[in-house]
Amino acid sequence: MPFMDAINEGSGVGYIKFSTESGWVAGDGNEGENFLQMQSAPIIIDVAKITQGWLQLAPGIRDWQPFVAQPHPKPSEEHKVGFQCTFYSKKHFGEADPYREMTTNQYASKQFLKDVYNEAEKMWDQKTPFAESGMSALVMIDPQTTPIKIGAGRSVKISFTIQKLMPMPQKDEAPAPQPVAAPPVSARPAATAPTPPPASNDVDFSNISADEI
């Protein structure tokens, strides 16, 4: 069934966020923020495990109250329904800590997460509900957004392509070592000029592993 709405930064926790003006930004919670080049590599998004709750964001205030089993009363008029979701990428966030968390009540970001969920659900062809599948989406995000009108205001639509469904790597999982065969001493291959990497649009990510993302 399609995704249905249910009614620290600065804390040392890595985060990712989207701005309609400046695009995608991530930080480790300690050393400032970095703008992301989303077209450079896909990213794993754990949309099957989106958490919903009440979120208040204001200067100096970040109050996140996740729903437990079902929505609880709205804490204040300043709180809005928010989503929390985990992202993973060594290429975007670094080898040391490739996980980032998005906690947002922004329309564009929430709609993006719902759209990814709904598209991933269409790709899931097993009897188990997608929400219980344990699968995440490997997503290539288009850096170009489309302006849209929302009621009396304006927002943007974030476009994307799901490359495949795959499990979210666990934080205590270490990548399996890859054996490296030494070349025969008597038959060293001739040196060849390096082949330039293909443009991102020409890369086939269907067989990519989590350790390469």
C-alpha atoms as a PDB file:
ATOM      1  CA  MET A   1       0.000   0.000   0.000  1.00  0.00           C
ATOM      2  CA  PRO A   2       1.343   3.489  -0.782  1.00  0.00           C
ATOM      3  CA  PHE A   3       3.022   5.510   1.946  1.00  0.00           C
ATOM      4  CA  MET A   4       0.376   6.969   4.246  1.00  0.00           C
ATOM      5  CA  ASP A   5       0.867   9.969   6.528  1.00  0.00           C
ATOM      6  CA  ALA A   6       0.173   9.331  10.191  1.00  0.00           C
ATOM      7  CA  ILE A   7      -1.151  12.140  12.118  1.00  0.00           C
ATOM      8  CA  ASN A   8      20.631  17.086  16.654  1.00  0.00           C
ATOM      9  CA  GLU A   9      21.959  18.925  14.493  1.00  0.00           C
ATOM     10  CA  GLY A  10      24.955  20.029  16.698  1.00  0.00           C
ATOM     11  CA  SER A  11      24.580  16.957  18.925  1.00  0.00           C
ATOM     12  CA  GLY A  12      27.329  14.919  17.304  1.00  0.00           C
ATOM     13  CA  VAL A  13      24.852  12.980  15.144  1.00  0.00           C
ATOM     14  CA  GLY A  14      25.465  13.092  11.405  1.00  0.00           C
ATOM     15  CA  TYR A  15      22.643  14.677   9.440  1.00  0.00           C
ATOM     16  CA  ILE A  16      21.539  15.450   5.890  1.00  0.00           C
ATOM     17  CA  LYS A  17      19.043  18.080   4.839  1.00  0.00           C
ATOM     18  CA  PHE A  18      17.625  19.688   1.718  1.00  0.00           C
ATOM     19  CA  SER A  19      17.158  23.398   1.071  1.00  0.00           C
ATOM     20  CA  THR A  20      15.016  24.682  -1.770  1.00  0.00           C
ATOM     21  CA  GLU A  21      17.574  27.479  -2.223  1.00  0.00           C
ATOM     22  CA  SER A  22      20.940  25.736  -1.829  1.00  0.00           C
ATOM     23  CA  GLY A  23      20.251  22.028  -2.389  1.00  0.00           C
ATOM     24  CA  TRP A  24      21.598  19.084  -0.392  1.00  0.00           C
ATOM     25  CA  VAL A  25      23.817  19.634   2.648  1.00  0.00           C
ATOM     26  CA  ALA A  26      25.303  17.177   5.145  1.00  0.00           C
ATOM     27  CA  GLY A  27      27.291  17.464   8.352  1.00  0.00           C
ATOM     28  CA  ASP A  28      28.723  15.195  11.021  1.00  0.00           C
ATOM     29  CA  GLY A  29      27.207  17.256  13.838  1.00  0.00           C
ATOM     30  CA  ASN A  30      30.554  18.692  14.869  1.00  0.00           C
ATOM     31  CA  GLU A  31      32.560  20.244  12.030  1.00  0.00           C
ATOM     32  CA  GLY A  32      30.173  22.289   9.948  1.00  0.00           C
ATOM     33  CA  GLU A  33      28.361  21.420   6.729  1.00  0.00           C
ATOM     34  CA  ASN A  34      29.279  20.298   3.236  1.00  0.00           C
ATOM     35  CA  PHE A  35      27.313  20.820   0.041  1.00  0.00           C
ATOM     36  CA  LEU A  36      26.736  17.516  -1.740  1.00  0.00           C
ATOM     37  CA  GLN A  37      27.149  16.820  -5.450  1.00  0.00           C
ATOM     38  CA  MET A  38      24.244  14.376  -5.639  1.00  0.00           C
ATOM     39  CA  GLN A  39      24.840  13.534  -9.299  1.00  0.00           C
ATOM     40  CA  SER A  40      28.283  12.085  -8.484  1.00  0.00           C
ATOM     41  CA  ALA A  41      27.076   8.856  -6.853  1.00  0.00           C
ATOM     42  CA  PRO A  42      23.873   7.109  -5.756  1.00  0.00           C
ATOM     43  CA  ILE A  43      22.847   6.925  -2.107  1.00  0.00           C
ATOM     44  CA  ILE A  44      21.018   4.291  -0.051  1.00  0.00           C
ATOM     45  CA  ILE A  45      17.830   5.547   1.614  1.00  0.00           C
ATOM     46  CA  ASP A  46      16.092   3.402   4.247  1.00  0.00           C
ATOM     47  CA  VAL A  47      12.565   4.427   3.253  1.00  0.00           C
ATOM     48  CA  ALA A  48      10.991   1.204   4.579  1.00  0.00           C
ATOM     49  CA  LYS A  49      11.858   2.414   8.081  1.00  0.00           C
ATOM     50  CA  ILE A  50      10.749   6.053   7.956  1.00  0.00           C
ATOM     51  CA  THR A  51       9.769   7.267  11.434  1.00  0.00           C
ATOM     52  CA  GLN A  52       6.978   9.831  11.741  1.00  0.00           C
ATOM     53  CA  GLY A  53       6.478  12.270  14.585  1.00  0.00           C
ATOM     54  CA  TRP A  54       5.977  15.886  15.632  1.00  0.00           C
ATOM     55  CA  LEU A  55       8.857  18.222  14.821  1.00  0.00           C
ATOM     56  CA  GLN A  56       9.438  21.834  15.814  1.00  0.00           C
ATOM     57  CA  LEU A  57      12.278  23.683  14.113  1.00  0.00           C
ATOM     58  CA  ALA A  58      13.155  27.260  15.045  1.00  0.00           C
ATOM     59  CA  PRO A  59      16.351  29.204  15.798  1.00  0.00           C
ATOM     60  CA  GLY A  60      17.924  27.371  18.728  1.00  0.00           C
ATOM     61  CA  ILE A  61      15.040  24.865  18.899  1.00  0.00           C
ATOM     62  CA  ARG A  62      14.819  21.337  17.540  1.00  0.00           C
ATOM     63  CA  ASP A  63      12.115  19.302  19.255  1.00  0.00           C
ATOM     64  CA  TRP A  64      11.565  15.859  17.701  1.00  0.00           C
ATOM     65  CA  GLN A  65       8.841  13.683  19.262  1.00  0.00           C
ATOM     66  CA  PRO A  66       8.451  10.422  17.289  1.00  0.00           C
ATOM     67  CA  PHE A  67       5.120   8.638  17.285  1.00  0.00           C
ATOM     68  CA  VAL A  68       4.988   5.403  19.280  1.00  0.00           C
ATOM     69  CA  ALA A  69       2.442   2.944  17.840  1.00  0.00           C
ATOM     70  CA  GLN A  70       0.111   5.808  16.918  1.00  0.00           C
ATOM     71  CA  PRO A  71       0.180   9.626  16.784  1.00  0.00           C
ATOM     72  CA  HIS A  72      -0.013  11.467  20.090  1.00  0.00           C
ATOM     73  CA  PRO A  73      -1.591  14.927  20.517  1.00  0.00           C
ATOM     74  CA  LYS A  74       0.181  17.797  18.802  1.00  0.00           C
ATOM     75  CA  PRO A  75       2.532  19.362  21.399  1.00  0.00           C
ATOM     76  CA  SER A  76       2.107  22.945  20.146  1.00  0.00           C
ATOM     77  CA  GLU A  77       1.033  24.998  17.155  1.00  0.00           C
ATOM     78  CA  GLU A  78       4.706  25.296  16.208  1.00  0.00           C
ATOM     79  CA  HIS A  79       5.047  21.532  15.750  1.00  0.00           C
ATOM     80  CA  LYS A  80       4.454  19.957  12.339  1.00  0.00           C
ATOM     81  CA  VAL A  81       4.354  16.347  11.197  1.00  0.00           C
ATOM     82  CA  GLY A  82       7.947  15.331  10.466  1.00  0.00           C
ATOM     83  CA  PHE A  83       9.821  12.362   9.038  1.00  0.00           C
ATOM     84  CA  GLN A  84      13.088  10.802  10.102  1.00  0.00           C
ATOM     85  CA  CYS A  85      15.036   8.548   7.741  1.00  0.00           C
ATOM     86  CA  THR A  86      18.555   7.105   7.442  1.00  0.00           C
ATOM     87  CA  PHE A  87      20.826   7.721   4.422  1.00  0.00           C
ATOM     88  CA  TYR A  88      24.056   5.832   3.638  1.00  0.00           C
ATOM     89  CA  SER A  89      26.990   6.645   1.345  1.00  0.00           C
ATOM     90  CA  LYS A  90      30.746   6.372   1.809  1.00  0.00           C
ATOM     91  CA  LYS A  91      31.318   8.553  -1.240  1.00  0.00           C
ATOM     92  CA  HIS A  92      29.127  11.406   0.008  1.00  0.00           C
ATOM     93  CA  PHE A  93      29.690  11.166   3.782  1.00  0.00           C
ATOM     94  CA  GLY A  94      33.118   9.531   4.127  1.00  0.00           C
ATOM     95  CA  GLU A  95      34.492   6.132   5.058  1.00  0.00           C
ATOM     96  CA  ALA A  96      34.633   6.809   8.806  1.00  0.00           C
ATOM     97  CA  ASP A  97      30.887   7.391   9.230  1.00  0.00           C
ATOM     98  CA  PRO A  98      28.804   6.795   6.069  1.00  0.00           C
ATOM     99  CA  TYR A  99      25.440   7.222   7.834  1.00  0.00           C
ATOM    100  CA  ARG A 100      23.385  10.407   7.991  1.00  0.00           C
ATOM    101  CA  GLU A 101      19.920  11.072   9.357  1.00  0.00           C
ATOM    102  CA  MET A 102      17.300  13.327   7.819  1.00  0.00           C
ATOM    103  CA  THR A 103      14.775  14.755  10.271  1.00  0.00           C
ATOM    104  CA  THR A 104      12.481  17.190   8.503  1.00  0.00           C
ATOM    105  CA  ASN A 105       9.031  18.761   8.417  1.00  0.00           C
ATOM    106  CA  GLN A 106       9.734  20.548   5.116  1.00  0.00           C
ATOM    107  CA  TYR A 107       7.223  19.800   2.354  1.00  0.00           C
ATOM    108  CA  ALA A 108       9.772  19.103  -0.425  1.00  0.00           C
ATOM    109  CA  SER A 109      11.823  16.677   1.673  1.00  0.00           C
ATOM    110  CA  LYS A 110       8.806  14.810   3.033  1.00  0.00           C
ATOM    111  CA  GLN A 111       7.273  14.470  -0.419  1.00  0.00           C
ATOM    112  CA  PHE A 112      10.603  13.204  -1.766  1.00  0.00           C
ATOM    113  CA  LEU A 113      10.765  10.468   0.896  1.00  0.00           C
ATOM    114  CA  LYS A 114       7.159   9.475   0.219  1.00  0.00           C
ATOM    115  CA  ASP A 115       7.802   9.354  -3.535  1.00  0.00           C
ATOM    116  CA  VAL A 116      10.881   7.156  -3.066  1.00  0.00           C
ATOM    117  CA  TYR A 117       8.906   4.851  -0.759  1.00  0.00           C
ATOM    118  CA  ASN A 118       6.047   4.518  -3.249  1.00  0.00           C
ATOM    119  CA  GLU A 119       8.365   3.819  -6.192  1.00  0.00           C
ATOM    120  CA  ALA A 120      10.364   1.289  -4.150  1.00  0.00           C
ATOM    121  CA  GLU A 121       7.135  -0.440  -3.135  1.00  0.00           C
ATOM    122  CA  LYS A 122       6.193  -0.833  -6.813  1.00  0.00           C
ATOM    123  CA  MET A 123       9.525  -2.598  -7.407  1.00  0.00           C
ATOM    124  CA  TRP A 124       8.984  -4.999  -4.499  1.00  0.00           C
ATOM    125  CA  ASP A 125       7.356  -8.146  -5.911  1.00  0.00           C
ATOM    126  CA  GLN A 126       7.275 -10.383  -2.844  1.00  0.00           C
ATOM    127  CA  LYS A 127       4.275 -11.288  -0.691  1.00  0.00           C
ATOM    128  CA  THR A 128       5.802  -9.640   2.375  1.00  0.00           C
ATOM    129  CA  PRO A 129       4.713  -5.968   2.635  1.00  0.00           C
ATOM    130  CA  PHE A 130       7.479  -3.629   1.533  1.00  0.00           C
ATOM    131  CA  ALA A 131       7.408  -1.885   4.932  1.00  0.00           C
ATOM    132  CA  GLU A 132       8.491  -5.231   6.446  1.00  0.00           C
ATOM    133  CA  SER A 133      10.922  -6.176   3.696  1.00  0.00           C
ATOM    134  CA  GLY A 134      14.120  -4.907   5.300  1.00  0.00           C
ATOM    135  CA  MET A 135      15.073  -3.433   1.932  1.00  0.00           C
ATOM    136  CA  SER A 136      16.279   0.081   1.176  1.00  0.00           C
ATOM    137  CA  ALA A 137      16.411   1.987  -2.106  1.00  0.00           C
ATOM    138  CA  LEU A 138      19.600   2.802  -3.983  1.00  0.00           C
ATOM    139  CA  VAL A 139      18.720   6.233  -5.340  1.00  0.00           C
ATOM    140  CA  MET A 140      20.334   8.587  -7.829  1.00  0.00           C
ATOM    141  CA  ILE A 141      19.038  12.069  -6.990  1.00  0.00           C
ATOM    142  CA  ASP A 142      18.698  14.657  -9.747  1.00  0.00           C
ATOM    143  CA  PRO A 143      20.285  17.946  -8.578  1.00  0.00           C
ATOM    144  CA  GLN A 144      17.828  19.856 -10.773  1.00  0.00           C
ATOM    145  CA  THR A 145      14.462  20.454  -9.093  1.00  0.00           C
ATOM    146  CA  THR A 146      11.096  21.502 -10.522  1.00  0.00           C
ATOM    147  CA  PRO A 147       9.285  24.518  -8.995  1.00  0.00           C
ATOM    148  CA  ILE A 148       5.713  23.715  -7.918  1.00  0.00           C
ATOM    149  CA  LYS A 149       2.880  25.609  -6.267  1.00  0.00           C
ATOM    150  CA  ILE A 150       1.516  24.363  -2.951  1.00  0.00           C
ATOM    151  CA  GLY A 151      -1.670  26.150  -1.930  1.00  0.00           C
ATOM    152  CA  ALA A 152      -0.730  29.800  -1.586  1.00  0.00           C
ATOM    153  CA  GLY A 153       2.967  29.002  -1.350  1.00  0.00           C
ATOM    154  CA  ARG A 154       5.681  27.477  -3.478  1.00  0.00           C
ATOM    155  CA  SER A 155       8.040  24.529  -3.175  1.00  0.00           C
ATOM    156  CA  VAL A 156      10.011  22.205  -5.456  1.00  0.00           C
ATOM    157  CA  LYS A 157       9.750  18.621  -6.634  1.00  0.00           C
ATOM    158  CA  ILE A 158      12.891  16.506  -6.220  1.00  0.00           C
ATOM    159  CA  SER A 159      13.404  14.067  -9.086  1.00  0.00           C
ATOM    160  CA  PHE A 160      15.239  10.761  -8.700  1.00  0.00           C
ATOM    161  CA  THR A 161      15.797   7.295 -10.138  1.00  0.00           C
ATOM    162  CA  ILE A 162      15.844   4.106  -8.060  1.00  0.00           C
ATOM    163  CA  GLN A 163      18.710   1.914  -9.286  1.00  0.00           C
ATOM    164  CA  LYS A 164      17.707  -1.138  -7.261  1.00  0.00           C
ATOM    165  CA  LEU A 165      16.498  -2.367  -3.863  1.00  0.00           C
ATOM    166  CA  MET A 166      19.106  -3.597  -1.393  1.00  0.00           C
ATOM    167  CA  PRO A 167      19.564  -4.029   2.380  1.00  0.00           C
ATOM    168  CA  MET A 168      20.826  -1.065   4.387  1.00  0.00           C
ATOM    169  CA  PRO A 169      24.350  -1.920   5.629  1.00  0.00           C
ATOM    170  CA  GLN A 170      24.421  -2.413   9.398  1.00  0.00           C
ATOM    171  CA  LYS A 171      26.755  -0.256  11.439  1.00  0.00           C
ATOM    172  CA  ASP A 172      28.517  -3.267  12.957  1.00  0.00           C
ATOM    173  CA  GLU A 173      29.094  -4.927   9.583  1.00  0.00           C
ATOM    174  CA  ALA A 174      32.604  -4.825   8.204  1.00  0.00           C
ATOM    175  CA  PRO A 175      33.009  -5.286   4.463  1.00  0.00           C
ATOM    176  CA  ALA A 176      34.392  -8.701   3.539  1.00  0.00           C
ATOM    177  CA  PRO A 177      38.078  -8.529   2.578  1.00  0.00           C
ATOM    178  CA  GLN A 178      38.685  -8.864  -1.133  1.00  0.00           C
ATOM    179  CA  PRO A 179      41.542 -11.218  -2.098  1.00  0.00           C
ATOM    180  CA  VAL A 180      44.158  -9.620  -4.300  1.00  0.00           C
ATOM    181  CA  ALA A 181      46.215 -11.894  -6.547  1.00  0.00           C
ATOM    182  CA  ALA A 182      49.798 -10.812  -7.175  1.00  0.00           C
ATOM    183  CA  PRO A 183      50.815 -10.761 -10.875  1.00  0.00           C
ATOM    184  CA  PRO A 184      53.297 -13.431 -11.965  1.00  0.00           C
ATOM    185  CA  VAL A 185      56.881 -12.231 -11.574  1.00  0.00           C
ATOM    186  CA  SER A 186      57.860 -13.429 -15.038  1.00  0.00           C
ATOM    187  CA  ALA A 187      54.881 -11.942 -16.850  1.00  0.00           C
ATOM    188  CA  ARG A 188      54.158  -8.397 -15.788  1.00  0.00           C
ATOM    189  CA  PRO A 189      51.361  -6.826 -17.857  1.00  0.00           C
ATOM    190  CA  ALA A 190      52.360  -3.973 -20.128  1.00  0.00           C
ATOM    191  CA  ALA A 191      51.464  -0.537 -18.861  1.00  0.00           C
ATOM    192  CA  THR A 192      48.418   0.980 -20.492  1.00  0.00           C
ATOM    193  CA  ALA A 193      46.906   4.439 -20.340  1.00  0.00           C
ATOM    194  CA  PRO A 194      44.131   4.724 -17.720  1.00  0.00           C
ATOM    195  CA  THR A 195      40.596   4.641 -19.076  1.00  0.00           C
ATOM    196  CA  PRO A 196      38.648   7.777 -18.114  1.00  0.00           C
ATOM    197  CA  PRO A 197      35.573   7.041 -15.974  1.00  0.00           C
ATOM    198  CA  PRO A 198      32.247   7.188 -17.827  1.00  0.00           C
ATOM    199  CA  ALA A 199      29.809  10.005 -17.230  1.00  0.00           C
ATOM    200  CA  SER A 200      27.489   9.342 -14.298  1.00  0.00           C
ATOM    201  CA  ASN A 201      24.508   8.861 -16.585  1.00  0.00           C
ATOM    202  CA  ASP A 202      26.309   5.981 -18.354  1.00  0.00           C
ATOM    203  CA  VAL A 203      27.215   4.030 -15.216  1.00  0.00           C
ATOM    204  CA  ASP A 204      25.393   0.763 -14.539  1.00  0.00           C
ATOM    205  CA  PHE A 205      24.752   0.554 -10.782  1.00  0.00           C
ATOM    206  CA  SER A 206      22.703  -2.658 -10.901  1.00  0.00           C
ATOM    207  CA  ASN A 207      25.564  -4.771  -9.536  1.00  0.00           C
ATOM    208  CA  ILE A 208      27.079  -2.225  -7.171  1.00  0.00           C
ATOM    209  CA  SER A 209      27.720  -3.282  -3.574  1.00  0.00           C
ATOM    210  CA  ALA A 210      27.217  -1.231  -0.423  1.00  0.00           C
ATOM    211  CA  ASP A 211      30.972  -0.941  -0.006  1.00  0.00           C
ATOM    212  CA  GLU A 212      31.175   0.918  -3.328  1.00  0.00           C
ATOM    213  CA  ILE A 213      28.470   3.506  -2.521  1.00  0.00           C
END
